[in-house]
Amino acid sequence: MMDESFLDRMVSQLRSTCKYYTGYPKDLGRSRIIPFTSERQFVQLLHEGRPVVVAFTIKCTYTQHLDKVLEEAAAKFYPHIKFVRVSYY
């Protein structure tokens, strides 16, 4: 088996550490953002005692970048911080 070249190792390191590397999509798994459904559900989240980040978003092309940032943050900080999305149509 051949060893990886310096360039391969450098690109691999870049992909694993660079937060905003856009060459390949990150595999974040299933979404960790909780959709807002009711006030009761929101109160239950608050009573769990963990921090909650609430994002008010409008469904349009301008918020696609914000959605990606929220997905990354939710995957990174799960289960210590809960992320809730309130969508306006």
Protein backbone atom coordinates (compact mmCIF):
# COMPACT_ATOMS: atom_id res chain seq x y z
CA MET A 1 0.00 0.00 0.00
CA MET A 2 1.40 3.40 -0.96
CA ASP A 3 1.70 6.25 1.48
CA GLU A 4 -0.36 9.34 0.81
CA SER A 5 1.46 12.16 -0.88
CA PHE A 6 1.98 15.45 0.87
CA LEU A 7 -0.67 17.06 -1.32
CA ASP A 8 -3.24 14.37 -0.44
CA ARG A 9 -2.56 14.81 3.27
CA MET A 10 -2.80 18.60 2.96
CA VAL A 11 -6.14 18.44 1.13
CA SER A 12 -7.46 15.91 3.64
CA GLN A 13 -6.46 18.17 6.52
CA LEU A 14 -8.08 21.15 4.80
CA ARG A 15 -11.34 19.26 4.31
CA SER A 16 -11.47 18.13 7.92
CA THR A 17 -10.55 21.40 9.62
CA CYS A 18 -11.63 24.29 7.43
CA LYS A 19 -15.06 25.45 8.49
CA TYR A 20 -15.89 27.20 5.22
CA TYR A 21 -14.27 24.86 2.70
CA THR A 22 -16.78 24.56 -0.12
CA GLY A 23 -15.13 21.99 -2.37
CA TYR A 24 -17.17 19.09 -1.02
CA PRO A 25 -20.46 19.13 0.88
CA LYS A 26 -20.23 18.10 4.50
CA ASP A 27 -22.11 15.01 5.57
CA LEU A 28 -24.07 16.33 8.54
CA GLY A 29 -26.49 13.43 8.77
CA ARG A 30 -30.09 14.13 9.56
CA SER A 31 -31.11 17.64 10.50
CA ARG A 32 -30.70 18.56 14.17
CA ILE A 33 -32.85 21.68 13.86
CA ILE A 34 -36.22 21.31 15.54
CA PRO A 35 -39.11 22.84 13.58
CA PHE A 36 -41.36 25.08 15.65
CA THR A 37 -44.77 23.45 15.93
CA SER A 38 -46.39 24.76 19.08
CA GLU A 39 -45.87 26.94 22.11
CA ARG A 40 -46.17 23.86 24.32
CA GLN A 41 -43.25 22.17 22.57
CA PHE A 42 -41.16 25.35 22.91
CA VAL A 43 -41.90 25.59 26.65
CA GLN A 44 -40.88 21.93 27.06
CA LEU A 45 -37.57 22.69 25.35
CA LEU A 46 -36.99 25.63 27.69
CA HIS A 47 -37.73 23.49 30.75
CA GLU A 48 -35.07 20.94 29.74
CA GLY A 49 -32.49 23.38 31.06
CA ARG A 50 -30.29 23.52 27.96
CA PRO A 51 -29.67 26.65 25.88
CA VAL A 52 -32.03 27.15 22.95
CA VAL A 53 -31.21 29.07 19.77
CA VAL A 54 -34.28 30.31 17.91
CA ALA A 55 -33.93 31.25 14.24
CA PHE A 56 -36.72 33.17 12.55
CA THR A 57 -36.34 32.53 8.81
CA ILE A 58 -38.30 33.32 5.69
CA LYS A 59 -38.37 30.68 2.97
CA CYS A 60 -36.54 32.35 0.10
CA THR A 61 -33.30 32.07 -1.83
CA TYR A 62 -31.55 34.64 0.36
CA THR A 63 -31.77 32.50 3.49
CA GLN A 64 -30.18 29.39 1.99
CA HIS A 65 -26.76 30.39 3.36
CA LEU A 66 -28.23 30.98 6.82
CA ASP A 67 -29.86 27.54 6.67
CA LYS A 68 -26.51 25.91 5.94
CA VAL A 69 -24.84 27.76 8.82
CA LEU A 70 -27.64 26.75 11.18
CA GLU A 71 -27.41 23.11 10.09
CA GLU A 72 -23.65 23.06 10.70
CA ALA A 73 -23.99 24.70 14.11
CA ALA A 74 -26.81 22.37 15.12
CA ALA A 75 -24.76 19.32 14.13
CA LYS A 76 -21.69 20.64 15.93
CA PHE A 77 -23.34 21.55 19.23
CA TYR A 78 -25.92 18.73 19.42
CA PRO A 79 -27.14 17.74 22.12
CA HIS A 80 -25.75 20.55 24.31
CA ILE A 81 -27.59 23.35 22.52
CA LYS A 82 -31.00 22.96 20.88
CA PHE A 83 -31.77 24.83 17.65
CA VAL A 84 -35.36 25.75 16.75
CA ARG A 85 -36.46 27.16 13.38
CA VAL A 86 -39.55 29.32 13.08
CA SER A 87 -40.41 29.56 9.38
CA TYR A 88 -42.53 32.24 7.80
CA TYR A 89 -43.97 31.56 4.36
